[in-house]
Amino acid sequence: MAQQELVKEERSLGDLFSELAGETSTLIRQEVALAQVELTNKATKVGKNVGYLAVGGAVGYAALLAFLAALIIGLSYFIPVWAAALVVGLVVGAIAFWMISSALAALKQTNLTPVQTVESIKEDAQWLKNQVS
């Protein structure tokens, strides 16, 4: 009789694999959800920086045009107009180059790899290995 109870308590290999498949499926869905959340957060950060670049550039451009016109007119009292425009253009071009380079460097430093998801998948793979062994 004790032997019959022991056999009833043990689950079949098919049941174990079925449970493992169900848990693996749940785990994969959770990993996909984690990856989506992580990538969405990173994309939001990048999008915000790109938005700031675009809006800042448009507003700055309008102000810059007015300022540059005034600067060229002011310099034309001392040097020919073409030389004033050339000097102002060179200075503004150098400033624009520096600003764009800085913004691109900041964007390049953004790590788009879903680090948490990769680590979690490694842990899950180890767990799955232990379950099968």
C-alpha atoms as a PDB file:
ATOM      1  CA  MET A   1       0.000   0.000   0.000  1.00  0.00           C
ATOM      2  CA  ALA A   2       2.825   2.448   0.845  1.00  0.00           C
ATOM      3  CA  GLN A   3       4.357   1.754  -2.535  1.00  0.00           C
ATOM      4  CA  GLN A   4       1.098   2.671  -4.311  1.00  0.00           C
ATOM      5  CA  GLU A   5       0.941   6.036  -2.464  1.00  0.00           C
ATOM      6  CA  LEU A   6       4.544   6.812  -3.468  1.00  0.00           C
ATOM      7  CA  VAL A   7       3.745   6.148  -7.132  1.00  0.00           C
ATOM      8  CA  LYS A   8       0.655   8.386  -6.988  1.00  0.00           C
ATOM      9  CA  GLU A   9       2.687  11.297  -5.544  1.00  0.00           C
ATOM     10  CA  GLU A  10       5.330  11.126  -8.253  1.00  0.00           C
ATOM     11  CA  ARG A  11       4.455  13.044 -11.380  1.00  0.00           C
ATOM     12  CA  SER A  12       5.005  11.593 -14.793  1.00  0.00           C
ATOM     13  CA  LEU A  13       7.774  12.805 -17.067  1.00  0.00           C
ATOM     14  CA  GLY A  14       5.118  14.150 -19.440  1.00  0.00           C
ATOM     15  CA  ASP A  15       3.576  16.213 -16.635  1.00  0.00           C
ATOM     16  CA  LEU A  16       6.967  17.610 -15.689  1.00  0.00           C
ATOM     17  CA  PHE A  17       7.762  18.606 -19.282  1.00  0.00           C
ATOM     18  CA  SER A  18       4.304  20.111 -19.659  1.00  0.00           C
ATOM     19  CA  GLU A  19       4.825  22.214 -16.531  1.00  0.00           C
ATOM     20  CA  LEU A  20       8.302  23.200 -17.708  1.00  0.00           C
ATOM     21  CA  ALA A  21       6.913  24.273 -21.104  1.00  0.00           C
ATOM     22  CA  GLY A  22       4.224  26.370 -19.403  1.00  0.00           C
ATOM     23  CA  GLU A  23       6.728  28.047 -17.080  1.00  0.00           C
ATOM     24  CA  THR A  24       9.120  28.659 -19.977  1.00  0.00           C
ATOM     25  CA  SER A  25       6.336  30.251 -22.005  1.00  0.00           C
ATOM     26  CA  THR A  26       5.421  32.530 -19.093  1.00  0.00           C
ATOM     27  CA  LEU A  27       9.068  33.411 -18.598  1.00  0.00           C
ATOM     28  CA  ILE A  28       9.517  34.322 -22.268  1.00  0.00           C
ATOM     29  CA  ARG A  29       6.426  36.562 -22.175  1.00  0.00           C
ATOM     30  CA  GLN A  30       7.794  38.302 -19.072  1.00  0.00           C
ATOM     31  CA  GLU A  31      11.186  38.817 -20.728  1.00  0.00           C
ATOM     32  CA  VAL A  32       9.563  40.317 -23.817  1.00  0.00           C
ATOM     33  CA  ALA A  33       7.539  42.672 -21.616  1.00  0.00           C
ATOM     34  CA  LEU A  34      10.701  43.699 -19.736  1.00  0.00           C
ATOM     35  CA  ALA A  35      12.524  44.352 -23.012  1.00  0.00           C
ATOM     36  CA  GLN A  36       9.623  46.476 -24.276  1.00  0.00           C
ATOM     37  CA  VAL A  37       9.594  48.605 -21.111  1.00  0.00           C
ATOM     38  CA  GLU A  38      13.362  49.038 -21.128  1.00  0.00           C
ATOM     39  CA  LEU A  39      13.557  49.944 -24.821  1.00  0.00           C
ATOM     40  CA  THR A  40      10.598  52.326 -24.490  1.00  0.00           C
ATOM     41  CA  ASN A  41      12.352  54.157 -21.655  1.00  0.00           C
ATOM     42  CA  LYS A  42      15.554  54.474 -23.664  1.00  0.00           C
ATOM     43  CA  ALA A  43      13.696  55.585 -26.800  1.00  0.00           C
ATOM     44  CA  THR A  44      11.849  58.219 -24.766  1.00  0.00           C
ATOM     45  CA  LYS A  45      15.154  59.590 -23.481  1.00  0.00           C
ATOM     46  CA  VAL A  46      16.643  59.739 -26.984  1.00  0.00           C
ATOM     47  CA  GLY A  47      13.455  61.272 -28.400  1.00  0.00           C
ATOM     48  CA  LYS A  48      13.462  63.951 -25.731  1.00  0.00           C
ATOM     49  CA  ASN A  49      17.064  64.898 -26.565  1.00  0.00           C
ATOM     50  CA  VAL A  50      16.306  65.013 -30.277  1.00  0.00           C
ATOM     51  CA  GLY A  51      13.240  67.162 -29.587  1.00  0.00           C
ATOM     52  CA  TYR A  52      15.299  69.591 -27.518  1.00  0.00           C
ATOM     53  CA  LEU A  53      17.797  69.795 -30.354  1.00  0.00           C
ATOM     54  CA  ALA A  54      15.117  70.589 -32.921  1.00  0.00           C
ATOM     55  CA  VAL A  55      13.197  73.169 -30.872  1.00  0.00           C
ATOM     56  CA  GLY A  56      16.342  74.808 -29.553  1.00  0.00           C
ATOM     57  CA  GLY A  57      17.730  74.984 -33.052  1.00  0.00           C
ATOM     58  CA  ALA A  58      14.618  76.621 -34.504  1.00  0.00           C
ATOM     59  CA  VAL A  59      14.320  79.262 -31.773  1.00  0.00           C
ATOM     60  CA  GLY A  60      18.023  79.911 -31.784  1.00  0.00           C
ATOM     61  CA  TYR A  61      18.061  80.224 -35.538  1.00  0.00           C
ATOM     62  CA  ALA A  62      15.492  83.042 -35.515  1.00  0.00           C
ATOM     63  CA  ALA A  63      17.359  84.941 -32.827  1.00  0.00           C
ATOM     64  CA  LEU A  64      20.653  84.318 -34.514  1.00  0.00           C
ATOM     65  CA  LEU A  65      19.495  85.745 -37.830  1.00  0.00           C
ATOM     66  CA  ALA A  66      18.409  89.003 -36.202  1.00  0.00           C
ATOM     67  CA  PHE A  67      21.614  89.256 -34.194  1.00  0.00           C
ATOM     68  CA  LEU A  68      23.822  88.480 -37.188  1.00  0.00           C
ATOM     69  CA  ALA A  69      22.131  91.106 -39.342  1.00  0.00           C
ATOM     70  CA  ALA A  70      22.740  93.698 -36.629  1.00  0.00           C
ATOM     71  CA  LEU A  71      26.345  92.555 -36.195  1.00  0.00           C
ATOM     72  CA  ILE A  72      27.087  92.712 -39.926  1.00  0.00           C
ATOM     73  CA  ILE A  73      25.544  96.194 -40.165  1.00  0.00           C
ATOM     74  CA  GLY A  74      27.587  97.329 -37.151  1.00  0.00           C
ATOM     75  CA  LEU A  75      30.849  95.945 -38.536  1.00  0.00           C
ATOM     76  CA  SER A  76      30.192  97.504 -41.944  1.00  0.00           C
ATOM     77  CA  TYR A  77      30.996 100.911 -40.432  1.00  0.00           C
ATOM     78  CA  PHE A  78      34.598  99.740 -39.913  1.00  0.00           C
ATOM     79  CA  ILE A  79      35.232  97.238 -42.736  1.00  0.00           C
ATOM     80  CA  PRO A  80      33.573  96.523 -46.096  1.00  0.00           C
ATOM     81  CA  VAL A  81      30.169  94.799 -45.856  1.00  0.00           C
ATOM     82  CA  TRP A  82      31.426  91.629 -47.572  1.00  0.00           C
ATOM     83  CA  ALA A  83      34.281  91.315 -45.053  1.00  0.00           C
ATOM     84  CA  ALA A  84      31.890  91.878 -42.137  1.00  0.00           C
ATOM     85  CA  ALA A  85      29.573  89.154 -43.454  1.00  0.00           C
ATOM     86  CA  LEU A  86      32.544  86.796 -43.952  1.00  0.00           C
ATOM     87  CA  VAL A  87      33.898  87.313 -40.409  1.00  0.00           C
ATOM     88  CA  VAL A  88      30.480  86.862 -38.842  1.00  0.00           C
ATOM     89  CA  GLY A  89      29.797  83.766 -40.976  1.00  0.00           C
ATOM     90  CA  LEU A  90      33.061  82.119 -39.930  1.00  0.00           C
ATOM     91  CA  VAL A  91      32.480  82.756 -36.238  1.00  0.00           C
ATOM     92  CA  VAL A  92      28.876  81.530 -36.385  1.00  0.00           C
ATOM     93  CA  GLY A  93      29.915  78.458 -38.385  1.00  0.00           C
ATOM     94  CA  ALA A  94      32.490  77.512 -35.745  1.00  0.00           C
ATOM     95  CA  ILE A  95      29.913  77.881 -32.964  1.00  0.00           C
ATOM     96  CA  ALA A  96      27.378  75.787 -34.904  1.00  0.00           C
ATOM     97  CA  PHE A  97      29.958  73.050 -35.457  1.00  0.00           C
ATOM     98  CA  TRP A  98      30.729  72.906 -31.733  1.00  0.00           C
ATOM     99  CA  MET A  99      27.044  72.764 -30.754  1.00  0.00           C
ATOM    100  CA  ILE A 100      26.177  70.003 -33.227  1.00  0.00           C
ATOM    101  CA  SER A 101      29.247  67.963 -32.258  1.00  0.00           C
ATOM    102  CA  SER A 102      28.333  68.195 -28.576  1.00  0.00           C
ATOM    103  CA  ALA A 103      24.741  67.099 -29.194  1.00  0.00           C
ATOM    104  CA  LEU A 104      25.804  64.153 -31.364  1.00  0.00           C
ATOM    105  CA  ALA A 105      28.351  63.054 -28.774  1.00  0.00           C
ATOM    106  CA  ALA A 106      25.640  63.074 -26.089  1.00  0.00           C
ATOM    107  CA  LEU A 107      23.345  60.978 -28.292  1.00  0.00           C
ATOM    108  CA  LYS A 108      26.125  58.492 -29.081  1.00  0.00           C
ATOM    109  CA  GLN A 109      26.700  57.925 -25.356  1.00  0.00           C
ATOM    110  CA  THR A 110      23.143  56.643 -24.944  1.00  0.00           C
ATOM    111  CA  ASN A 111      23.322  52.875 -24.545  1.00  0.00           C
ATOM    112  CA  LEU A 112      20.375  51.317 -26.385  1.00  0.00           C
ATOM    113  CA  THR A 113      21.133  47.766 -25.301  1.00  0.00           C
ATOM    114  CA  PRO A 114      18.449  46.429 -22.939  1.00  0.00           C
ATOM    115  CA  VAL A 115      20.991  45.510 -20.247  1.00  0.00           C
ATOM    116  CA  GLN A 116      18.477  44.355 -17.642  1.00  0.00           C
ATOM    117  CA  THR A 117      16.752  42.094 -20.139  1.00  0.00           C
ATOM    118  CA  VAL A 118      20.037  40.518 -21.267  1.00  0.00           C
ATOM    119  CA  GLU A 119      21.025  39.802 -17.656  1.00  0.00           C
ATOM    120  CA  SER A 120      17.587  38.417 -16.882  1.00  0.00           C
ATOM    121  CA  ILE A 121      17.682  36.132 -19.926  1.00  0.00           C
ATOM    122  CA  LYS A 122      21.068  34.799 -18.817  1.00  0.00           C
ATOM    123  CA  GLU A 123      19.632  34.049 -15.382  1.00  0.00           C
ATOM    124  CA  ASP A 124      16.597  32.400 -16.975  1.00  0.00           C
ATOM    125  CA  ALA A 125      18.798  30.235 -19.182  1.00  0.00           C
ATOM    126  CA  GLN A 126      20.713  29.093 -16.118  1.00  0.00           C
ATOM    127  CA  TRP A 127      17.445  28.379 -14.288  1.00  0.00           C
ATOM    128  CA  LEU A 128      16.135  26.403 -17.258  1.00  0.00           C
ATOM    129  CA  LYS A 129      19.373  24.405 -17.400  1.00  0.00           C
ATOM    130  CA  ASN A 130      19.008  23.573 -13.718  1.00  0.00           C
ATOM    131  CA  GLN A 131      15.368  22.528 -14.207  1.00  0.00           C
ATOM    132  CA  VAL A 132      16.199  20.151 -17.048  1.00  0.00           C
ATOM    133  CA  SER A 133      19.224  18.622 -15.269  1.00  0.00           C
END
